Amino acid sequence: MKFQVDELIAAFLAQELDEDSTEELLQWVNASAANKLYFRQKLDAWSVAIGEKESHLYDKNKAFQRFRKRLLHAKQPGRQARGGAVLRYLSHHKVAAYAAMVLMLAGIGGFFYMKGLPGLGIMDVNKNLYVQISVAPGETKKMLLPDSTVVWLNAGSTFKYPENFSGSTREVYLNGEGYFEVRKDAGHPFIVTTAKGNIVVTGTTFNVSAYAGKPRFVTALLEGHVCVNTQGGKSQDLVPMQKAELINEALVVSAVTDTDIYKWKDGLIAFDNVPITEVLERLENSFGKKITIRQLNDPDLLLTGKFRVSDGLEYALEVLGHSYGLRYTKNSSDNGYDILN
């Protein structure tokens, strides 16, 4: 199927896709978040490949005229679509979607105008085009940014970045947890902005956890150099294998002793001397299931262990039960789990 989709995308970029195939491509793009991301990455690769010097090859007026012809042709009474069914008039929603796809080819100077493509997550902020990615509970996502930086996003995260980095910095916005492999560019610092502070880097590998609705703000540096800044004006430089955590308005620096906890991007849930309440919160987020604590005999209990997401939530709860005496029951009302001791 991917091969066929790649052919459709290639024909679309060459402005050679007929309206039936355009509809087929549009339906595939909107079928899932993964498809939307794949389509956007193909567009990114195409934009880099042709470069601004070749933008004259893409004629805005010519593209729009082709679109109009196809639209008028589709509206002709009695026209037969593939399979023999009569093609109905295109809805306003579909017209907007087709128009948006044509406008994406309009001029490489502004790159892609995607506001009319439903659900793709493109927004206009201060006249700059931004891509916004939301990760559902129980899922993770990997993406390639326009500067070739690689980002993994953990469950429940929201991430926003510009369609193209411009100016003196490369700024992105995170609500959640992200693992970054930033492409080195000393002249254009990479900045991760969160509700609790920001992290400034030039090229490095690090993990940051900063969910807006939770108190934790932790940055762990694995390679390179970062500077962590809080909203309260605190600042801290880190060297490899150090982490900074915001505790009582102060950045507390400690050593990274276990890198397995950052392998969530590989489907591993690891914790070392972590409070049981935090472990249950991680399990809830990683599996996308509600975990309600009805009672805990020792809420300060520290846990150490590892689970594969592929093993499932009930397996993790069973292990915690055998190892720490944790009792649970399934809640039929919300398909979640209640912790009973």
Protein backbone atom coordinates (compact mmCIF):
# COMPACT_ATOMS: atom_id res chain seq x y z
CA MET A 1 0.00 0.00 0.00
CA LYS A 2 2.85 2.41 0.88
CA PHE A 3 4.29 2.01 -2.63
CA GLN A 4 0.95 3.02 -4.16
CA VAL A 5 0.69 6.00 -1.78
CA ASP A 6 4.21 7.11 -2.68
CA GLU A 7 3.19 7.06 -6.36
CA LEU A 8 0.11 9.19 -5.61
CA ILE A 9 2.15 11.71 -3.62
CA ALA A 10 4.75 11.91 -6.40
CA ALA A 11 2.02 12.52 -9.00
CA PHE A 12 0.40 15.10 -6.72
CA LEU A 13 3.67 17.02 -6.34
CA ALA A 14 4.13 16.93 -10.10
CA GLN A 15 0.60 18.37 -10.52
CA GLU A 16 -0.37 15.31 -12.55
CA LEU A 17 -2.98 13.77 -10.23
CA ASP A 18 -6.56 13.54 -11.51
CA GLU A 19 -9.45 14.46 -9.20
CA ASP A 20 -10.39 10.84 -8.43
CA SER A 21 -6.84 10.06 -7.37
CA THR A 22 -6.66 13.33 -5.46
CA GLU A 23 -9.73 12.26 -3.50
CA GLU A 24 -8.14 8.87 -2.85
CA LEU A 25 -4.96 10.52 -1.56
CA LEU A 26 -6.92 12.95 0.60
CA GLN A 27 -8.90 10.10 2.20
CA TRP A 28 -5.68 8.24 2.95
CA VAL A 29 -4.04 11.33 4.50
CA ASN A 30 -7.02 11.91 6.79
CA ALA A 31 -7.33 8.24 7.80
CA SER A 32 -4.80 8.48 10.67
CA ALA A 33 -2.33 10.75 12.43
CA ALA A 34 0.51 8.55 11.14
CA ASN A 35 -0.62 9.11 7.54
CA LYS A 36 -0.80 12.87 8.08
CA LEU A 37 2.72 12.88 9.49
CA TYR A 38 4.05 10.70 6.65
CA PHE A 39 2.46 13.00 4.05
CA ARG A 40 3.90 16.10 5.71
CA GLN A 41 7.38 14.56 5.84
CA LYS A 42 7.14 13.75 2.12
CA LEU A 43 6.25 17.39 1.44
CA ASP A 44 9.17 18.54 3.59
CA ALA A 45 11.57 16.30 1.67
CA TRP A 46 10.19 17.56 -1.64
CA SER A 47 10.55 21.21 -0.61
CA VAL A 48 14.18 20.68 0.38
CA ALA A 49 14.93 18.77 -2.81
CA ILE A 50 13.70 21.35 -5.26
CA GLY A 51 15.04 24.39 -3.40
CA GLU A 52 14.12 27.99 -3.97
CA LYS A 53 16.13 28.19 -7.18
CA GLU A 54 13.65 25.85 -8.86
CA SER A 55 10.50 27.45 -7.49
CA HIS A 56 9.81 29.03 -10.89
CA LEU A 57 8.96 25.55 -12.16
CA TYR A 58 5.78 25.57 -10.06
CA ASP A 59 3.33 27.97 -11.60
CA LYS A 60 0.63 29.11 -9.14
CA ASN A 61 -1.81 30.24 -11.82
CA LYS A 62 -1.31 27.12 -13.90
CA ALA A 63 -1.96 24.91 -10.87
CA PHE A 64 -5.16 26.79 -10.01
CA GLN A 65 -6.46 26.62 -13.58
CA ARG A 66 -5.89 22.86 -13.61
CA PHE A 67 -7.83 22.59 -10.39
CA ARG A 68 -10.74 24.64 -11.79
CA LYS A 69 -10.92 22.49 -14.91
CA ARG A 70 -11.03 19.31 -12.88
CA LEU A 71 -13.67 20.74 -10.58
CA LEU A 72 -15.89 21.88 -13.45
CA HIS A 73 -15.42 18.53 -15.18
CA ALA A 74 -16.46 16.73 -11.99
CA LYS A 75 -19.65 18.78 -11.81
CA GLN A 76 -20.84 17.93 -15.31
CA PRO A 77 -24.26 16.18 -15.11
CA GLY A 78 -24.14 12.46 -15.66
CA ARG A 79 -20.37 12.11 -15.47
CA GLN A 80 -19.49 8.58 -14.46
CA ALA A 81 -16.93 8.03 -11.73
CA ARG A 82 -14.80 4.94 -11.42
CA GLY A 83 -16.91 1.85 -10.73
CA GLY A 84 -19.88 3.26 -12.64
CA ALA A 85 -21.31 5.40 -9.85
CA VAL A 86 -22.47 8.91 -10.66
CA LEU A 87 -20.07 11.46 -9.15
CA ARG A 88 -21.97 13.88 -6.94
CA TYR A 89 -21.23 17.56 -6.73
CA LEU A 90 -18.20 18.20 -4.58
CA SER A 91 -19.06 19.45 -1.09
CA HIS A 92 -17.74 22.71 0.28
CA HIS A 93 -15.50 20.71 2.61
CA LYS A 94 -14.01 18.76 -0.27
CA VAL A 95 -13.57 21.85 -2.43
CA ALA A 96 -11.67 23.53 0.40
CA ALA A 97 -9.50 20.47 0.80
CA TYR A 98 -8.71 20.23 -2.93
CA ALA A 99 -8.01 23.96 -3.07
CA ALA A 100 -5.65 23.67 -0.13
CA MET A 101 -3.76 20.84 -1.83
CA VAL A 102 -3.38 22.93 -4.98
CA LEU A 103 -2.26 25.94 -2.98
CA MET A 104 0.44 23.84 -1.39
CA LEU A 105 2.06 23.81 -4.83
CA ALA A 106 1.41 27.48 -5.41
CA GLY A 107 4.72 29.05 -4.51
CA ILE A 108 7.73 27.64 -2.78
CA GLY A 109 8.49 31.10 -1.36
CA GLY A 110 5.85 30.58 1.30
CA PHE A 111 6.25 26.77 1.12
CA PHE A 112 3.03 25.01 2.08
CA TYR A 113 -0.32 26.60 2.90
CA MET A 114 -2.22 23.79 4.56
CA LYS A 115 -4.91 25.41 6.67
CA GLY A 116 -7.66 23.86 4.55
CA LEU A 117 -6.37 20.30 4.88
CA PRO A 118 -8.52 18.84 7.69
CA GLY A 119 -6.76 17.55 10.79
CA LEU A 120 -3.19 18.00 9.60
CA GLY A 121 -2.43 20.35 12.49
CA ILE A 122 -1.11 23.35 10.59
CA MET A 123 -1.73 26.71 12.20
CA ASP A 124 -0.89 30.35 11.55
CA VAL A 125 0.86 31.97 14.53
CA ASN A 126 2.15 35.52 14.05
CA LYS A 127 2.01 34.98 10.28
CA ASN A 128 4.34 31.94 10.50
CA LEU A 129 3.18 28.46 9.59
CA TYR A 130 3.44 25.99 12.48
CA VAL A 131 2.90 22.26 12.66
CA GLN A 132 1.26 20.98 15.84
CA ILE A 133 1.50 17.31 16.81
CA SER A 134 -0.59 15.79 19.59
CA VAL A 135 0.24 12.33 20.92
CA ALA A 136 -2.59 10.27 22.37
CA PRO A 137 -2.19 8.46 25.70
CA GLY A 138 -0.63 5.07 25.14
CA GLU A 139 1.26 6.18 22.02
CA THR A 140 4.64 7.67 21.09
CA LYS A 141 5.70 9.47 17.92
CA LYS A 142 8.96 10.06 16.09
CA MET A 143 9.50 12.91 13.65
CA LEU A 144 12.14 14.68 11.61
CA LEU A 145 12.21 18.48 11.88
CA PRO A 146 13.06 20.77 8.94
CA ASP A 147 16.66 21.16 10.20
CA SER A 148 17.10 17.33 10.40
CA THR A 149 16.73 17.29 14.19
CA VAL A 150 15.09 14.04 15.35
CA VAL A 151 12.40 14.17 18.05
CA TRP A 152 10.52 11.43 19.90
CA LEU A 153 7.37 12.46 21.77
CA ASN A 154 5.97 10.54 24.71
CA ALA A 155 2.30 9.78 25.34
CA GLY A 156 0.04 12.73 26.09
CA SER A 157 2.48 15.29 24.65
CA THR A 158 1.79 18.25 22.39
CA PHE A 159 4.58 19.63 20.21
CA LYS A 160 4.65 22.67 17.94
CA TYR A 161 7.35 23.75 15.50
CA PRO A 162 7.61 26.08 12.48
CA GLU A 163 7.30 24.69 8.98
CA ASN A 164 10.72 26.22 8.30
CA PHE A 165 13.25 27.57 10.75
CA SER A 166 14.20 31.18 10.05
CA GLY A 167 15.95 33.91 11.96
CA SER A 168 18.73 33.51 14.50
CA THR A 169 17.19 30.66 16.54
CA ARG A 170 15.32 27.39 16.06
CA GLU A 171 12.49 27.52 18.59
CA VAL A 172 9.98 24.74 19.27
CA TYR A 173 7.25 24.35 21.89
CA LEU A 174 6.66 21.30 24.09
CA ASN A 175 3.95 20.33 26.53
CA GLY A 176 4.87 16.83 27.67
CA GLU A 177 7.99 14.71 27.32
CA GLY A 178 10.42 14.69 24.41
CA TYR A 179 13.71 13.07 23.51
CA PHE A 180 15.81 15.23 21.17
CA GLU A 181 18.77 14.58 18.89
CA VAL A 182 19.49 18.13 17.75
CA ARG A 183 21.47 18.83 14.60
CA LYS A 184 24.53 20.93 15.40
CA ASP A 185 24.32 24.57 14.29
CA ALA A 186 26.18 26.92 16.63
CA GLY A 187 24.94 29.94 14.71
CA HIS A 188 21.29 29.05 15.27
CA PRO A 189 20.66 27.78 18.82
CA PHE A 190 17.85 25.26 19.24
CA ILE A 191 15.36 26.29 21.96
CA VAL A 192 12.74 24.03 23.55
CA THR A 193 10.14 26.25 25.22
CA THR A 194 7.81 24.80 27.87
CA ALA A 195 5.34 26.21 30.38
CA LYS A 196 7.96 25.87 33.12
CA GLY A 197 11.06 27.12 31.31
CA ASN A 198 13.24 26.56 28.26
CA ILE A 199 16.31 24.61 27.20
CA VAL A 200 18.89 26.18 24.89
CA VAL A 201 21.21 23.94 22.85
CA THR A 202 23.39 24.09 19.75
CA GLY A 203 23.60 20.36 19.06
CA THR A 204 23.05 17.61 21.58
CA THR A 205 21.03 14.63 22.83
CA PHE A 206 18.74 15.19 25.79
CA ASN A 207 15.39 14.31 27.37
CA VAL A 208 12.96 16.85 28.82
CA SER A 209 9.79 16.20 30.81
CA ALA A 210 7.48 19.20 31.24
CA TYR A 211 3.77 18.41 31.27
CA ALA A 212 1.87 21.64 31.90
CA GLY A 213 -0.57 20.04 34.35
CA LYS A 214 2.13 18.31 36.42
CA PRO A 215 4.78 19.78 38.72
CA ARG A 216 7.83 17.98 37.30
CA PHE A 217 10.28 19.84 35.06
CA VAL A 218 13.34 17.67 34.41
CA THR A 219 16.03 17.95 31.74
CA ALA A 220 18.58 15.13 31.37
CA LEU A 221 21.62 15.65 29.13
CA LEU A 222 23.15 12.60 27.48
CA GLU A 223 25.51 14.26 24.97
CA GLY A 224 26.66 17.81 24.23
CA HIS A 225 25.67 20.88 26.22
CA VAL A 226 22.45 22.58 27.28
CA CYS A 227 21.44 25.55 29.37
CA VAL A 228 18.20 25.14 31.36
CA ASN A 229 16.25 28.29 32.24
CA THR A 230 13.18 28.48 34.47
CA GLN A 231 10.29 30.92 34.31
CA GLY A 232 11.48 32.25 37.66
CA GLY A 233 14.84 33.34 36.26
CA LYS A 234 16.99 30.41 37.41
CA SER A 235 19.62 29.14 34.97
CA GLN A 236 21.81 26.05 34.94
CA ASP A 237 24.38 24.69 32.46
CA LEU A 238 24.61 20.92 32.20
CA VAL A 239 27.40 18.61 31.09
CA PRO A 240 26.79 15.08 29.76
CA MET A 241 25.16 12.62 32.17
CA GLN A 242 23.71 15.37 34.35
CA LYS A 243 20.08 16.25 34.93
CA ALA A 244 18.40 19.35 36.34
CA GLU A 245 15.06 19.16 38.13
CA LEU A 246 12.95 22.08 39.28
CA ILE A 247 12.31 21.60 43.03
CA ASN A 248 10.86 24.41 45.15
CA GLU A 249 11.73 27.02 42.50
CA ALA A 250 15.38 25.87 42.41
CA LEU A 251 17.17 23.82 39.74
CA VAL A 252 18.68 20.81 41.50
CA VAL A 253 21.48 19.10 39.55
CA SER A 254 22.27 15.41 39.96
CA ALA A 255 23.96 12.62 38.01
CA VAL A 256 22.16 10.48 35.45
CA THR A 257 22.74 6.98 36.81
CA ASP A 258 20.27 5.00 34.71
CA THR A 259 19.71 5.81 31.05
CA ASP A 260 17.03 3.11 30.71
CA ILE A 261 14.41 5.57 31.98
CA TYR A 262 14.86 7.50 28.71
CA LYS A 263 14.17 4.41 26.60
CA TRP A 264 10.43 5.07 26.69
CA LYS A 265 10.91 5.94 23.02
CA ASP A 266 11.81 2.27 22.46
CA GLY A 267 8.75 0.97 24.33
CA LEU A 268 10.47 0.45 27.71
CA ILE A 269 9.06 1.77 31.00
CA ALA A 270 11.92 1.85 33.53
CA PHE A 271 12.09 3.33 37.02
CA ASP A 272 14.74 3.32 39.76
CA ASN A 273 13.74 4.30 43.32
CA VAL A 274 10.68 6.17 42.05
CA PRO A 275 7.61 6.79 44.28
CA ILE A 276 4.78 4.36 43.64
CA THR A 277 2.40 7.20 42.79
CA GLU A 278 4.73 8.37 40.01
CA VAL A 279 5.12 4.81 38.69
CA LEU A 280 1.34 4.42 38.48
CA GLU A 281 1.12 7.79 36.72
CA ARG A 282 3.70 6.64 34.14
CA LEU A 283 1.80 3.41 33.57
CA GLU A 284 -1.44 5.33 33.12
CA ASN A 285 0.18 7.62 30.55
CA SER A 286 2.08 4.89 28.71
CA PHE A 287 -0.89 2.56 28.29
CA GLY A 288 -3.61 5.18 27.91
CA LYS A 289 -5.72 3.62 30.68
CA LYS A 290 -7.18 5.40 33.70
CA ILE A 291 -5.61 4.25 37.00
CA THR A 292 -7.51 5.43 40.08
CA ILE A 293 -5.84 5.15 43.48
CA ARG A 294 -8.50 4.17 46.01
CA GLN A 295 -6.02 3.34 48.75
CA LEU A 296 -2.25 3.03 49.22
CA ASN A 297 -0.86 1.54 52.41
CA ASP A 298 2.52 3.18 51.79
CA PRO A 299 2.26 6.12 49.34
CA ASP A 300 5.98 6.90 49.86
CA LEU A 301 7.07 3.44 48.74
CA LEU A 302 9.95 3.59 46.23
CA LEU A 303 9.86 1.14 43.32
CA THR A 304 12.51 -0.18 40.95
CA GLY A 305 11.69 -2.15 37.83
CA LYS A 306 11.24 -2.33 34.04
CA PHE A 307 8.30 -3.15 31.81
CA ARG A 308 7.83 -3.48 28.09
CA VAL A 309 4.79 -1.63 26.80
CA SER A 310 4.18 -4.62 24.54
CA ASP A 311 3.61 -6.82 27.63
CA GLY A 312 0.48 -4.85 28.54
CA LEU A 313 -0.76 -2.98 31.60
CA GLU A 314 -2.24 -5.97 33.42
CA TYR A 315 1.12 -7.75 33.27
CA ALA A 316 2.78 -4.69 34.88
CA LEU A 317 0.14 -4.54 37.62
CA GLU A 318 0.50 -8.30 38.25
CA VAL A 319 4.27 -7.91 38.70
CA LEU A 320 3.77 -4.99 41.08
CA GLY A 321 1.29 -7.14 42.96
CA HIS A 322 3.72 -10.04 43.40
CA SER A 323 6.70 -7.77 44.18
CA TYR A 324 5.11 -5.09 46.37
CA GLY A 325 1.74 -6.48 47.42
CA LEU A 326 -0.22 -4.09 45.22
CA ARG A 327 -3.88 -5.04 44.75
CA TYR A 328 -6.04 -3.82 41.88
CA THR A 329 -9.34 -4.45 40.18
CA LYS A 330 -10.63 -3.59 36.74
CA ASN A 331 -13.16 -0.77 36.59
CA SER A 332 -15.91 -1.68 34.13
CA SER A 333 -17.28 1.87 34.02
CA ASP A 334 -14.22 3.44 32.34
CA ASN A 335 -12.22 0.34 31.28
CA GLY A 336 -9.50 1.45 33.70
CA TYR A 337 -8.08 0.06 36.94
CA ASP A 338 -8.60 0.83 40.63
CA ILE A 339 -5.71 0.48 43.08
CA LEU A 340 -7.05 -1.00 46.32
CA ASN A 341 -4.02 -0.87 48.67
